[in-house]
Amino acid sequence: MKKVTILCGLILALLTSINFNAAAQMSKQGKGALIGGAGGAVAGALIGKSVGGAVIGGAIGAGGGYIIGNEARRREEKRRRAAYLERRRAWKRAHPGKAYPY
């Protein structure tokens, strides 16, 4: 139990430091993979009570986190593209016959 507590504390400290230091530079997929991997490793260690369980849980969690982060990125890009097209349509209605200033 003491090892699990120490492991959880170290993972939490690592995640916190990585999140604060590299939040602006890391993609949504990377953040999802990191958080999912850490959560999966902790869950795997608790369930499997061994290093093998932590490794398997970390790999599964990282894969799941990457997929979730990728979907969030795609949703954000779709929303951003729709907002751009709406601004463009509004500008063209207000300025007929002129080209949109990209």
PDB file of N, CA and C in Angstrom:
ATOM      1  N   MET A   1       0.826  -1.190   0.000  1.00  0.00           N
ATOM      2  CA  MET A   1       0.000   0.000   0.000  1.00  0.00           C
ATOM      3  C   MET A   1       0.869   1.252   0.000  1.00  0.00           C
ATOM      4  N   LYS A   2       1.982   1.187   0.716  1.00  0.00           N
ATOM      5  CA  LYS A   2       2.868   2.341   0.778  1.00  0.00           C
ATOM      6  C   LYS A   2       3.472   2.632  -0.596  1.00  0.00           C
ATOM      7  N   LYS A   3       3.817   1.567  -1.334  1.00  0.00           N
ATOM      8  CA  LYS A   3       4.385   1.745  -2.670  1.00  0.00           C
ATOM      9  C   LYS A   3       3.370   2.382  -3.614  1.00  0.00           C
ATOM     10  N   VAL A   4       2.124   1.968  -3.518  1.00  0.00           N
ATOM     11  CA  VAL A   4       1.069   2.512  -4.384  1.00  0.00           C
ATOM     12  C   VAL A   4       0.867   3.992  -4.093  1.00  0.00           C
ATOM     13  N   THR A   5       0.880   4.359  -2.816  1.00  0.00           N
ATOM     14  CA  THR A   5       0.720   5.760  -2.438  1.00  0.00           C
ATOM     15  C   THR A   5       1.879   6.599  -2.970  1.00  0.00           C
ATOM     16  N   ILE A   6       3.078   6.093  -2.845  1.00  0.00           N
ATOM     17  CA  ILE A   6       4.253   6.808  -3.355  1.00  0.00           C
ATOM     18  C   ILE A   6       4.184   6.918  -4.876  1.00  0.00           C
ATOM     19  N   LEU A   7       3.804   5.836  -5.545  1.00  0.00           N
ATOM     20  CA  LEU A   7       3.679   5.849  -7.002  1.00  0.00           C
ATOM     21  C   LEU A   7       2.633   6.861  -7.452  1.00  0.00           C
ATOM     22  N   CYS A   8       1.487   6.884  -6.785  1.00  0.00           N
ATOM     23  CA  CYS A   8       0.439   7.838  -7.140  1.00  0.00           C
ATOM     24  C   CYS A   8       0.911   9.280  -6.928  1.00  0.00           C
ATOM     25  N   GLY A   9       1.615   9.509  -5.844  1.00  0.00           N
ATOM     26  CA  GLY A   9       2.146  10.852  -5.581  1.00  0.00           C
ATOM     27  C   GLY A   9       3.153  11.286  -6.637  1.00  0.00           C
ATOM     28  N   LEU A  10       4.037  10.375  -7.030  1.00  0.00           N
ATOM     29  CA  LEU A  10       5.023  10.707  -8.062  1.00  0.00           C
ATOM     30  C   LEU A  10       4.363  10.976  -9.409  1.00  0.00           C
ATOM     31  N   ILE A  11       3.388  10.164  -9.759  1.00  0.00           N
ATOM     32  CA  ILE A  11       2.688  10.372 -11.033  1.00  0.00           C
ATOM     33  C   ILE A  11       1.931  11.691 -11.010  1.00  0.00           C
ATOM     34  N   LEU A  12       1.288  12.006  -9.907  1.00  0.00           N
ATOM     35  CA  LEU A  12       0.566  13.269  -9.795  1.00  0.00           C
ATOM     36  C   LEU A  12       1.521  14.458  -9.901  1.00  0.00           C
ATOM     37  N   ALA A  13       2.670  14.368  -9.244  1.00  0.00           N
ATOM     38  CA  ALA A  13       3.658  15.448  -9.327  1.00  0.00           C
ATOM     39  C   ALA A  13       4.187  15.600 -10.749  1.00  0.00           C
ATOM     40  N   LEU A  14       4.443  14.489 -11.404  1.00  0.00           N
ATOM     41  CA  LEU A  14       4.931  14.527 -12.784  1.00  0.00           C
ATOM     42  C   LEU A  14       3.897  15.145 -13.712  1.00  0.00           C
ATOM     43  N   LEU A  15       2.655  14.702 -13.578  1.00  0.00           N
ATOM     44  CA  LEU A  15       1.593  15.246 -14.434  1.00  0.00           C
ATOM     45  C   LEU A  15       1.405  16.741 -14.206  1.00  0.00           C
ATOM     46  N   THR A  16       1.438  17.158 -12.961  1.00  0.00           N
ATOM     47  CA  THR A  16       1.263  18.572 -12.656  1.00  0.00           C
ATOM     48  C   THR A  16       2.385  19.400 -13.250  1.00  0.00           C
ATOM     49  N   SER A  17       3.626  18.944 -13.099  1.00  0.00           N
ATOM     50  CA  SER A  17       4.747  19.721 -13.627  1.00  0.00           C
ATOM     51  C   SER A  17       4.733  19.745 -15.143  1.00  0.00           C
ATOM     52  N   ILE A  18       4.411  18.641 -15.771  1.00  0.00           N
ATOM     53  CA  ILE A  18       4.356  18.612 -17.238  1.00  0.00           C
ATOM     54  C   ILE A  18       3.212  19.486 -17.734  1.00  0.00           C
ATOM     55  N   ASN A  19       2.079  19.419 -17.071  1.00  0.00           N
ATOM     56  CA  ASN A  19       0.921  20.186 -17.504  1.00  0.00           C
ATOM     57  C   ASN A  19       1.186  21.683 -17.401  1.00  0.00           C
ATOM     58  N   PHE A  20       1.798  22.141 -16.324  1.00  0.00           N
ATOM     59  CA  PHE A  20       2.054  23.566 -16.172  1.00  0.00           C
ATOM     60  C   PHE A  20       3.165  24.041 -17.093  1.00  0.00           C
ATOM     61  N   ASN A  21       4.177  23.222 -17.334  1.00  0.00           N
ATOM     62  CA  ASN A  21       5.313  23.658 -18.138  1.00  0.00           C
ATOM     63  C   ASN A  21       5.063  23.579 -19.629  1.00  0.00           C
ATOM     64  N   ALA A  22       4.292  22.620 -20.078  1.00  0.00           N
ATOM     65  CA  ALA A  22       4.163  22.400 -21.517  1.00  0.00           C
ATOM     66  C   ALA A  22       2.729  22.469 -22.010  1.00  0.00           C
ATOM     67  N   ALA A  23       1.863  23.123 -21.266  1.00  0.00           N
ATOM     68  CA  ALA A  23       0.462  23.144 -21.657  1.00  0.00           C
ATOM     69  C   ALA A  23       0.256  23.850 -22.990  1.00  0.00           C
ATOM     70  N   ALA A  24       0.990  24.911 -23.230  1.00  0.00           N
ATOM     71  CA  ALA A  24       0.802  25.665 -24.470  1.00  0.00           C
ATOM     72  C   ALA A  24       1.404  24.943 -25.665  1.00  0.00           C
ATOM     73  N   GLN A  25       2.408  24.110 -25.461  1.00  0.00           N
ATOM     74  CA  GLN A  25       3.094  23.477 -26.566  1.00  0.00           C
ATOM     75  C   GLN A  25       2.552  22.086 -26.885  1.00  0.00           C
ATOM     76  N   MET A  26       1.763  21.502 -26.009  1.00  0.00           N
ATOM     77  CA  MET A  26       1.318  20.133 -26.211  1.00  0.00           C
ATOM     78  C   MET A  26      -0.046  20.125 -26.894  1.00  0.00           C
ATOM     79  N   SER A  27      -0.221  19.235 -27.850  1.00  0.00           N
ATOM     80  CA  SER A  27      -1.493  19.135 -28.560  1.00  0.00           C
ATOM     81  C   SER A  27      -2.537  18.459 -27.673  1.00  0.00           C
ATOM     82  N   LYS A  28      -3.773  18.531 -28.119  1.00  0.00           N
ATOM     83  CA  LYS A  28      -4.839  17.875 -27.364  1.00  0.00           C
ATOM     84  C   LYS A  28      -4.649  16.367 -27.331  1.00  0.00           C
ATOM     85  N   GLN A  29      -4.113  15.816 -28.429  1.00  0.00           N
ATOM     86  CA  GLN A  29      -3.862  14.373 -28.455  1.00  0.00           C
ATOM     87  C   GLN A  29      -2.798  14.013 -27.423  1.00  0.00           C
ATOM     88  N   GLY A  30      -1.738  14.821 -27.361  1.00  0.00           N
ATOM     89  CA  GLY A  30      -0.664  14.560 -26.410  1.00  0.00           C
ATOM     90  C   GLY A  30      -1.129  14.656 -24.971  1.00  0.00           C
ATOM     91  N   LYS A  31      -1.932  15.689 -24.680  1.00  0.00           N
ATOM     92  CA  LYS A  31      -2.459  15.831 -23.331  1.00  0.00           C
ATOM     93  C   LYS A  31      -3.355  14.648 -22.975  1.00  0.00           C
ATOM     94  N   GLY A  32      -4.205  14.254 -23.919  1.00  0.00           N
ATOM     95  CA  GLY A  32      -5.088  13.119 -23.661  1.00  0.00           C
ATOM     96  C   GLY A  32      -4.322  11.838 -23.426  1.00  0.00           C
ATOM     97  N   ALA A  33      -3.287  11.616 -24.234  1.00  0.00           N
ATOM     98  CA  ALA A  33      -2.481  10.410 -24.080  1.00  0.00           C
ATOM     99  C   ALA A  33      -1.747  10.414 -22.745  1.00  0.00           C
ATOM    100  N   LEU A  34      -1.222  11.555 -22.339  1.00  0.00           N
ATOM    101  CA  LEU A  34      -0.491  11.650 -21.079  1.00  0.00           C
ATOM    102  C   LEU A  34      -1.413  11.401 -19.887  1.00  0.00           C
ATOM    103  N   ILE A  35      -2.542  12.070 -19.890  1.00  0.00           N
ATOM    104  CA  ILE A  35      -3.477  11.903 -18.771  1.00  0.00           C
ATOM    105  C   ILE A  35      -4.053  10.487 -18.758  1.00  0.00           C
ATOM    106  N   GLY A  36      -4.430   9.983 -19.924  1.00  0.00           N
ATOM    107  CA  GLY A  36      -4.964   8.626 -19.997  1.00  0.00           C
ATOM    108  C   GLY A  36      -3.939   7.584 -19.601  1.00  0.00           C
ATOM    109  N   GLY A  37      -2.698   7.773 -20.029  1.00  0.00           N
ATOM    110  CA  GLY A  37      -1.642   6.829 -19.676  1.00  0.00           C
ATOM    111  C   GLY A  37      -1.368   6.801 -18.187  1.00  0.00           C
ATOM    112  N   ALA A  38      -1.328   7.982 -17.579  1.00  0.00           N
ATOM    113  CA  ALA A  38      -1.082   8.028 -16.136  1.00  0.00           C
ATOM    114  C   ALA A  38      -2.247   7.412 -15.366  1.00  0.00           C
ATOM    115  N   GLY A  39      -3.457   7.776 -15.753  1.00  0.00           N
ATOM    116  CA  GLY A  39      -4.626   7.206 -15.083  1.00  0.00           C
ATOM    117  C   GLY A  39      -4.707   5.700 -15.273  1.00  0.00           C
ATOM    118  N   GLY A  40      -4.408   5.251 -16.489  1.00  0.00           N
ATOM    119  CA  GLY A  40      -4.426   3.814 -16.760  1.00  0.00           C
ATOM    120  C   GLY A  40      -3.351   3.070 -15.992  1.00  0.00           C
ATOM    121  N   ALA A  41      -2.189   3.696 -15.850  1.00  0.00           N
ATOM    122  CA  ALA A  41      -1.104   3.053 -15.096  1.00  0.00           C
ATOM    123  C   ALA A  41      -1.468   2.912 -13.622  1.00  0.00           C
ATOM    124  N   VAL A  42      -2.051   3.960 -13.072  1.00  0.00           N
ATOM    125  CA  VAL A  42      -2.453   3.889 -11.662  1.00  0.00           C
ATOM    126  C   VAL A  42      -3.549   2.847 -11.485  1.00  0.00           C
ATOM    127  N   ALA A  43      -4.551   2.872 -12.369  1.00  0.00           N
ATOM    128  CA  ALA A  43      -5.632   1.891 -12.257  1.00  0.00           C
ATOM    129  C   ALA A  43      -5.113   0.463 -12.462  1.00  0.00           C
ATOM    130  N   GLY A  44      -4.208   0.292 -13.435  1.00  0.00           N
ATOM    131  CA  GLY A  44      -3.645  -1.036 -13.676  1.00  0.00           C
ATOM    132  C   GLY A  44      -2.825  -1.531 -12.504  1.00  0.00           C
ATOM    133  N   ALA A  45      -2.088  -0.620 -11.858  1.00  0.00           N
ATOM    134  CA  ALA A  45      -1.293  -1.018 -10.696  1.00  0.00           C
ATOM    135  C   ALA A  45      -2.196  -1.410  -9.531  1.00  0.00           C
ATOM    136  N   LEU A  46      -3.281  -0.675  -9.364  1.00  0.00           N
ATOM    137  CA  LEU A  46      -4.188  -0.994  -8.255  1.00  0.00           C
ATOM    138  C   LEU A  46      -4.952  -2.284  -8.511  1.00  0.00           C
ATOM    139  N   ILE A  47      -5.376  -2.484  -9.737  1.00  0.00           N
ATOM    140  CA  ILE A  47      -6.156  -3.678 -10.055  1.00  0.00           C
ATOM    141  C   ILE A  47      -5.253  -4.912 -10.143  1.00  0.00           C
ATOM    142  N   GLY A  48      -4.136  -4.780 -10.885  1.00  0.00           N
ATOM    143  CA  GLY A  48      -3.265  -5.927 -11.102  1.00  0.00           C
ATOM    144  C   GLY A  48      -2.265  -6.178 -10.001  1.00  0.00           C
ATOM    145  N   LYS A  49      -2.035  -5.198  -9.152  1.00  0.00           N
ATOM    146  CA  LYS A  49      -1.084  -5.293  -8.046  1.00  0.00           C
ATOM    147  C   LYS A  49       0.311  -5.719  -8.507  1.00  0.00           C
ATOM    148  N   SER A  50       0.680  -5.269  -9.732  1.00  0.00           N
ATOM    149  CA  SER A  50       2.011  -5.577 -10.229  1.00  0.00           C
ATOM    150  C   SER A  50       2.411  -4.538 -11.262  1.00  0.00           C
ATOM    151  N   VAL A  51       3.664  -4.606 -11.653  1.00  0.00           N
ATOM    152  CA  VAL A  51       4.169  -3.678 -12.668  1.00  0.00           C
ATOM    153  C   VAL A  51       3.555  -3.980 -14.025  1.00  0.00           C
ATOM    154  N   GLY A  52       3.334  -5.243 -14.309  1.00  0.00           N
ATOM    155  CA  GLY A  52       2.723  -5.627 -15.588  1.00  0.00           C
ATOM    156  C   GLY A  52       1.342  -5.024 -15.755  1.00  0.00           C
ATOM    157  N   GLY A  53       0.556  -5.000 -14.699  1.00  0.00           N
ATOM    158  CA  GLY A  53      -0.769  -4.384 -14.752  1.00  0.00           C
ATOM    159  C   GLY A  53      -0.678  -2.892 -15.003  1.00  0.00           C
ATOM    160  N   ALA A  54       0.326  -2.255 -14.396  1.00  0.00           N
ATOM    161  CA  ALA A  54       0.509  -0.822 -14.598  1.00  0.00           C
ATOM    162  C   ALA A  54       0.908  -0.522 -16.035  1.00  0.00           C
ATOM    163  N   VAL A  55       1.767  -1.349 -16.611  1.00  0.00           N
ATOM    164  CA  VAL A  55       2.206  -1.140 -17.995  1.00  0.00           C
ATOM    165  C   VAL A  55       1.036  -1.320 -18.957  1.00  0.00           C
ATOM    166  N   ILE A  56       0.289  -2.386 -18.764  1.00  0.00           N
ATOM    167  CA  ILE A  56      -0.856  -2.641 -19.641  1.00  0.00           C
ATOM    168  C   ILE A  56      -1.906  -1.538 -19.475  1.00  0.00           C
ATOM    169  N   GLY A  57      -2.205  -1.164 -18.238  1.00  0.00           N
ATOM    170  CA  GLY A  57      -3.170  -0.088 -17.990  1.00  0.00           C
ATOM    171  C   GLY A  57      -2.707   1.229 -18.571  1.00  0.00           C
ATOM    172  N   GLY A  58      -1.413   1.522 -18.463  1.00  0.00           N
ATOM    173  CA  GLY A  58      -0.874   2.752 -19.032  1.00  0.00           C
ATOM    174  C   GLY A  58      -0.986   2.777 -20.542  1.00  0.00           C
ATOM    175  N   ALA A  59      -0.704   1.652 -21.182  1.00  0.00           N
ATOM    176  CA  ALA A  59      -0.795   1.588 -22.648  1.00  0.00           C
ATOM    177  C   ALA A  59      -2.231   1.747 -23.112  1.00  0.00           C
ATOM    178  N   ILE A  60      -3.149   1.074 -22.457  1.00  0.00           N
ATOM    179  CA  ILE A  60      -4.555   1.186 -22.841  1.00  0.00           C
ATOM    180  C   ILE A  60      -5.064   2.598 -22.568  1.00  0.00           C
ATOM    181  N   GLY A  61      -4.703   3.148 -21.426  1.00  0.00           N
ATOM    182  CA  GLY A  61      -5.133   4.507 -21.086  1.00  0.00           C
ATOM    183  C   GLY A  61      -4.565   5.546 -22.033  1.00  0.00           C
ATOM    184  N   ALA A  62      -3.307   5.376 -22.441  1.00  0.00           N
ATOM    185  CA  ALA A  62      -2.703   6.324 -23.373  1.00  0.00           C
ATOM    186  C   ALA A  62      -3.397   6.269 -24.729  1.00  0.00           C
ATOM    187  N   GLY A  63      -3.710   5.072 -25.182  1.00  0.00           N
ATOM    188  CA  GLY A  63      -4.430   4.938 -26.456  1.00  0.00           C
ATOM    189  C   GLY A  63      -5.808   5.578 -26.395  1.00  0.00           C
ATOM    190  N   GLY A  64      -6.527   5.310 -25.330  1.00  0.00           N
ATOM    191  CA  GLY A  64      -7.850   5.907 -25.163  1.00  0.00           C
ATOM    192  C   GLY A  64      -7.783   7.419 -25.035  1.00  0.00           C
ATOM    193  N   GLY A  65      -6.811   7.906 -24.285  1.00  0.00           N
ATOM    194  CA  GLY A  65      -6.652   9.349 -24.125  1.00  0.00           C
ATOM    195  C   GLY A  65      -6.302  10.034 -25.432  1.00  0.00           C
ATOM    196  N   TYR A  66      -5.477   9.380 -26.246  1.00  0.00           N
ATOM    197  CA  TYR A  66      -5.127   9.936 -27.556  1.00  0.00           C
ATOM    198  C   TYR A  66      -6.364  10.042 -28.431  1.00  0.00           C
ATOM    199  N   ILE A  67      -7.179   9.007 -28.441  1.00  0.00           N
ATOM    200  CA  ILE A  67      -8.393   9.022 -29.266  1.00  0.00           C
ATOM    201  C   ILE A  67      -9.338  10.130 -28.808  1.00  0.00           C
ATOM    202  N   ILE A  68      -9.529  10.270 -27.510  1.00  0.00           N
ATOM    203  CA  ILE A  68     -10.406  11.319 -26.992  1.00  0.00           C
ATOM    204  C   ILE A  68      -9.847  12.698 -27.310  1.00  0.00           C
ATOM    205  N   GLY A  69      -8.534  12.887 -27.137  1.00  0.00           N
ATOM    206  CA  GLY A  69      -7.914  14.171 -27.465  1.00  0.00           C
ATOM    207  C   GLY A  69      -8.020  14.498 -28.939  1.00  0.00           C
ATOM    208  N   ASN A  70      -7.878  13.492 -29.794  1.00  0.00           N
ATOM    209  CA  ASN A  70      -7.984  13.703 -31.230  1.00  0.00           C
ATOM    210  C   ASN A  70      -9.402  14.138 -31.609  1.00  0.00           C
ATOM    211  N   GLU A  71     -10.398  13.513 -31.012  1.00  0.00           N
ATOM    212  CA  GLU A  71     -11.783  13.907 -31.284  1.00  0.00           C
ATOM    213  C   GLU A  71     -12.054  15.329 -30.809  1.00  0.00           C
ATOM    214  N   ALA A  72     -11.498  15.711 -29.665  1.00  0.00           N
ATOM    215  CA  ALA A  72     -11.677  17.078 -29.171  1.00  0.00           C
ATOM    216  C   ALA A  72     -11.021  18.082 -30.122  1.00  0.00           C
ATOM    217  N   ARG A  73      -9.849  17.751 -30.648  1.00  0.00           N
ATOM    218  CA  ARG A  73      -9.170  18.627 -31.594  1.00  0.00           C
ATOM    219  C   ARG A  73      -9.983  18.783 -32.872  1.00  0.00           C
ATOM    220  N   ARG A  74     -10.506  17.669 -33.378  1.00  0.00           N
ATOM    221  CA  ARG A  74     -11.299  17.725 -34.603  1.00  0.00           C
ATOM    222  C   ARG A  74     -12.569  18.544 -34.406  1.00  0.00           C
ATOM    223  N   ARG A  75     -13.213  18.395 -33.250  1.00  0.00           N
ATOM    224  CA  ARG A  75     -14.420  19.168 -32.953  1.00  0.00           C
ATOM    225  C   ARG A  75     -14.106  20.665 -32.885  1.00  0.00           C
ATOM    226  N   GLU A  76     -12.980  21.007 -32.268  1.00  0.00           N
ATOM    227  CA  GLU A  76     -12.577  22.405 -32.179  1.00  0.00           C
ATOM    228  C   GLU A  76     -12.259  22.990 -33.556  1.00  0.00           C
ATOM    229  N   GLU A  77     -11.566  22.230 -34.394  1.00  0.00           N
ATOM    230  CA  GLU A  77     -11.265  22.700 -35.751  1.00  0.00           C
ATOM    231  C   GLU A  77     -12.540  22.887 -36.561  1.00  0.00           C
ATOM    232  N   LYS A  78     -13.493  21.993 -36.419  1.00  0.00           N
ATOM    233  CA  LYS A  78     -14.765  22.102 -37.132  1.00  0.00           C
ATOM    234  C   LYS A  78     -15.513  23.353 -36.678  1.00  0.00           C
ATOM    235  N   ARG A  79     -15.524  23.619 -35.380  1.00  0.00           N
ATOM    236  CA  ARG A  79     -16.186  24.802 -34.843  1.00  0.00           C
ATOM    237  C   ARG A  79     -15.502  26.077 -35.335  1.00  0.00           C
ATOM    238  N   ARG A  80     -14.162  26.063 -35.354  1.00  0.00           N
ATOM    239  CA  ARG A  80     -13.416  27.228 -35.817  1.00  0.00           C
ATOM    240  C   ARG A  80     -13.669  27.492 -37.293  1.00  0.00           C
ATOM    241  N   ARG A  81     -13.724  26.438 -38.096  1.00  0.00           N
ATOM    242  CA  ARG A  81     -13.987  26.578 -39.531  1.00  0.00           C
ATOM    243  C   ARG A  81     -15.393  27.115 -39.780  1.00  0.00           C
ATOM    244  N   ALA A  82     -16.380  26.634 -39.026  1.00  0.00           N
ATOM    245  CA  ALA A  82     -17.748  27.120 -39.184  1.00  0.00           C
ATOM    246  C   ALA A  82     -17.842  28.598 -38.820  1.00  0.00           C
ATOM    247  N   ALA A  83     -17.150  29.032 -37.776  1.00  0.00           N
ATOM    248  CA  ALA A  83     -17.159  30.451 -37.383  1.00  0.00           C
ATOM    249  C   ALA A  83     -16.514  31.308 -38.469  1.00  0.00           C
ATOM    250  N   TYR A  84     -15.424  30.819 -39.061  1.00  0.00           N
ATOM    251  CA  TYR A  84     -14.765  31.551 -40.142  1.00  0.00           C
ATOM    252  C   TYR A  84     -15.691  31.701 -41.337  1.00  0.00           C
ATOM    253  N   LEU A  85     -16.365  30.620 -41.724  1.00  0.00           N
ATOM    254  CA  LEU A  85     -17.276  30.685 -42.872  1.00  0.00           C
ATOM    255  C   LEU A  85     -18.452  31.614 -42.601  1.00  0.00           C
ATOM    256  N   GLU A  86     -18.938  31.632 -41.369  1.00  0.00           N
ATOM    257  CA  GLU A  86     -20.035  32.535 -41.030  1.00  0.00           C
ATOM    258  C   GLU A  86     -19.587  33.994 -41.102  1.00  0.00           C
ATOM    259  N   ARG A  87     -18.394  34.302 -40.589  1.00  0.00           N
ATOM    260  CA  ARG A  87     -17.866  35.668 -40.700  1.00  0.00           C
ATOM    261  C   ARG A  87     -17.715  36.072 -42.157  1.00  0.00           C
ATOM    262  N   ARG A  88     -17.235  35.137 -42.968  1.00  0.00           N
ATOM    263  CA  ARG A  88     -17.025  35.418 -44.387  1.00  0.00           C
ATOM    264  C   ARG A  88     -18.358  35.692 -45.088  1.00  0.00           C
ATOM    265  N   ARG A  89     -19.365  34.864 -44.797  1.00  0.00           N
ATOM    266  CA  ARG A  89     -20.684  35.081 -45.404  1.00  0.00           C
ATOM    267  C   ARG A  89     -21.262  36.424 -44.986  1.00  0.00           C
ATOM    268  N   ALA A  90     -21.134  36.772 -43.704  1.00  0.00           N
ATOM    269  CA  ALA A  90     -21.658  38.048 -43.211  1.00  0.00           C
ATOM    270  C   ALA A  90     -20.941  39.219 -43.886  1.00  0.00           C
ATOM    271  N   TRP A  91     -19.635  39.109 -44.059  1.00  0.00           N
ATOM    272  CA  TRP A  91     -18.883  40.185 -44.704  1.00  0.00           C
ATOM    273  C   TRP A  91     -19.310  40.332 -46.157  1.00  0.00           C
ATOM    274  N   LYS A  92     -19.489  39.219 -46.833  1.00  0.00           N
ATOM    275  CA  LYS A  92     -19.898  39.277 -48.246  1.00  0.00           C
ATOM    276  C   LYS A  92     -21.306  39.860 -48.397  1.00  0.00           C
ATOM    277  N   ARG A  93     -22.209  39.589 -47.436  1.00  0.00           N
ATOM    278  CA  ARG A  93     -23.543  40.193 -47.489  1.00  0.00           C
ATOM    279  C   ARG A  93     -23.447  41.703 -47.283  1.00  0.00           C
ATOM    280  N   ALA A  94     -22.548  42.131 -46.410  1.00  0.00           N
ATOM    281  CA  ALA A  94     -22.407  43.558 -46.117  1.00  0.00           C
ATOM    282  C   ALA A  94     -21.641  44.300 -47.209  1.00  0.00           C
ATOM    283  N   HIS A  95     -20.800  43.599 -47.971  1.00  0.00           N
ATOM    284  CA  HIS A  95     -19.969  44.216 -49.015  1.00  0.00           C
ATOM    285  C   HIS A  95     -20.142  43.454 -50.317  1.00  0.00           C
ATOM    286  N   PRO A  96     -21.290  43.590 -50.971  1.00  0.00           N
ATOM    287  CA  PRO A  96     -21.504  42.828 -52.205  1.00  0.00           C
ATOM    288  C   PRO A  96     -20.550  43.261 -53.319  1.00  0.00           C
ATOM    289  N   GLY A  97     -20.060  42.290 -54.053  1.00  0.00           N
ATOM    290  CA  GLY A  97     -19.176  42.568 -55.176  1.00  0.00           C
ATOM    291  C   GLY A  97     -17.722  42.733 -54.810  1.00  0.00           C
ATOM    292  N   LYS A  98     -17.381  42.741 -53.548  1.00  0.00           N
ATOM    293  CA  LYS A  98     -15.984  42.875 -53.137  1.00  0.00           C
ATOM    294  C   LYS A  98     -15.440  41.527 -52.680  1.00  0.00           C
ATOM    295  N   ALA A  99     -14.152  41.361 -52.839  1.00  0.00           N
ATOM    296  CA  ALA A  99     -13.510  40.117 -52.414  1.00  0.00           C
ATOM    297  C   ALA A  99     -13.294  40.161 -50.902  1.00  0.00           C
ATOM    298  N   TYR A 100     -13.416  39.004 -50.270  1.00  0.00           N
ATOM    299  CA  TYR A 100     -13.207  38.919 -48.827  1.00  0.00           C
ATOM    300  C   TYR A 100     -11.736  39.121 -48.496  1.00  0.00           C
ATOM    301  N   PRO A 101     -11.395  40.015 -47.571  1.00  0.00           N
ATOM    302  CA  PRO A 101      -9.989  40.253 -47.230  1.00  0.00           C
ATOM    303  C   PRO A 101      -9.450  39.148 -46.327  1.00  0.00           C
ATOM    304  N   TYR A 102      -8.740  38.235 -46.883  1.00  0.00           N
ATOM    305  CA  TYR A 102      -8.222  37.109 -46.120  1.00  0.00           C
ATOM    306  C   TYR A 102      -7.157  37.611 -45.240  1.00  0.00           C
TER     307      TYR A 102
END
